[in-house]
């Protein structure tokens, strides 16, 4: 049977790997050229004087 300390070390290590992979995936998603239009629209929408939500 695996000791408690070994399980804690394994779960902490896998947690770090998991969050690093999620971080990299978010950065890749944000840098994709096909998302530029929607991100630019979101950045400019705060400055628009409209009373309706963004599309």
C-alpha atoms as a PDB file:
ATOM      1  CA  UNK A   1       0.000   0.000   0.000  1.00  0.00           C
ATOM      2  CA  UNK A   2       1.196   3.515  -0.789  1.00  0.00           C
ATOM      3  CA  UNK A   3       2.100   5.707   2.154  1.00  0.00           C
ATOM      4  CA  UNK A   4       0.237   8.899   2.888  1.00  0.00           C
ATOM      5  CA  UNK A   5       3.281  11.113   2.269  1.00  0.00           C
ATOM      6  CA  UNK A   6       3.836   9.537  -1.147  1.00  0.00           C
ATOM      7  CA  UNK A   7       0.193  10.105  -2.117  1.00  0.00           C
ATOM      8  CA  UNK A   8       0.383  13.735  -1.000  1.00  0.00           C
ATOM      9  CA  UNK A   9       3.550  14.256  -3.036  1.00  0.00           C
ATOM     10  CA  UNK A  10       1.989  12.600  -6.077  1.00  0.00           C
ATOM     11  CA  UNK A  11      -1.226  14.636  -5.863  1.00  0.00           C
ATOM     12  CA  UNK A  12       0.671  17.908  -5.429  1.00  0.00           C
ATOM     13  CA  UNK A  13       2.906  17.110  -8.373  1.00  0.00           C
ATOM     14  CA  UNK A  14      -0.011  16.156 -10.609  1.00  0.00           C
ATOM     15  CA  UNK A  15      -1.867  19.303  -9.537  1.00  0.00           C
ATOM     16  CA  UNK A  16       1.048  21.473 -10.611  1.00  0.00           C
ATOM     17  CA  UNK A  17       1.266  19.675 -13.960  1.00  0.00           C
ATOM     18  CA  UNK A  18      -2.500  20.003 -14.473  1.00  0.00           C
ATOM     19  CA  UNK A  19      -2.583  23.742 -13.743  1.00  0.00           C
ATOM     20  CA  UNK A  20       0.480  24.348 -15.910  1.00  0.00           C
ATOM     21  CA  UNK A  21      -1.217  22.579 -18.822  1.00  0.00           C
ATOM     22  CA  UNK A  22      -4.387  24.628 -18.327  1.00  0.00           C
ATOM     23  CA  UNK A  23      -2.292  27.819 -18.201  1.00  0.00           C
ATOM     24  CA  UNK A  24      -0.534  26.934 -21.470  1.00  0.00           C
ATOM     25  CA  UNK A  25      -3.864  26.083 -23.119  1.00  0.00           C
ATOM     26  CA  UNK A  26      -5.343  29.447 -22.120  1.00  0.00           C
ATOM     27  CA  UNK A  27      -2.298  31.321 -23.432  1.00  0.00           C
ATOM     28  CA  UNK A  28      -2.460  29.436 -26.737  1.00  0.00           C
ATOM     29  CA  UNK A  29      -6.199  30.145 -27.025  1.00  0.00           C
ATOM     30  CA  UNK A  30      -5.672  33.855 -26.343  1.00  0.00           C
ATOM     31  CA  UNK A  31      -2.905  34.111 -28.945  1.00  0.00           C
ATOM     32  CA  UNK A  32      -4.736  32.387 -31.804  1.00  0.00           C
ATOM     33  CA  UNK A  33      -5.291  34.795 -34.711  1.00  0.00           C
ATOM     34  CA  UNK A  34      -8.917  33.684 -35.212  1.00  0.00           C
ATOM     35  CA  UNK A  35      -9.818  35.073 -31.751  1.00  0.00           C
ATOM     36  CA  UNK A  36      -8.398  38.538 -32.425  1.00  0.00           C
ATOM     37  CA  UNK A  37     -11.660  39.989 -33.754  1.00  0.00           C
ATOM     38  CA  UNK A  38     -13.711  38.956 -30.723  1.00  0.00           C
ATOM     39  CA  UNK A  39     -11.052  40.124 -28.264  1.00  0.00           C
ATOM     40  CA  UNK A  40     -10.747  43.481 -30.038  1.00  0.00           C
ATOM     41  CA  UNK A  41     -14.527  43.865 -29.980  1.00  0.00           C
ATOM     42  CA  UNK A  42     -14.617  43.064 -26.272  1.00  0.00           C
ATOM     43  CA  UNK A  43     -11.844  45.573 -25.582  1.00  0.00           C
ATOM     44  CA  UNK A  44     -13.661  48.338 -27.483  1.00  0.00           C
ATOM     45  CA  UNK A  45     -17.138  47.517 -26.174  1.00  0.00           C
ATOM     46  CA  UNK A  46     -16.388  49.084 -22.808  1.00  0.00           C
ATOM     47  CA  UNK A  47     -15.836  52.398 -24.590  1.00  0.00           C
ATOM     48  CA  UNK A  48     -18.978  52.247 -26.732  1.00  0.00           C
ATOM     49  CA  UNK A  49     -21.970  54.252 -25.576  1.00  0.00           C
ATOM     50  CA  UNK A  50     -24.708  51.726 -26.090  1.00  0.00           C
ATOM     51  CA  UNK A  51     -27.553  50.561 -23.922  1.00  0.00           C
ATOM     52  CA  UNK A  52     -27.633  47.040 -25.286  1.00  0.00           C
ATOM     53  CA  UNK A  53     -25.320  44.060 -24.683  1.00  0.00           C
ATOM     54  CA  UNK A  54     -22.560  43.177 -27.108  1.00  0.00           C
ATOM     55  CA  UNK A  55     -23.344  40.532 -29.754  1.00  0.00           C
END
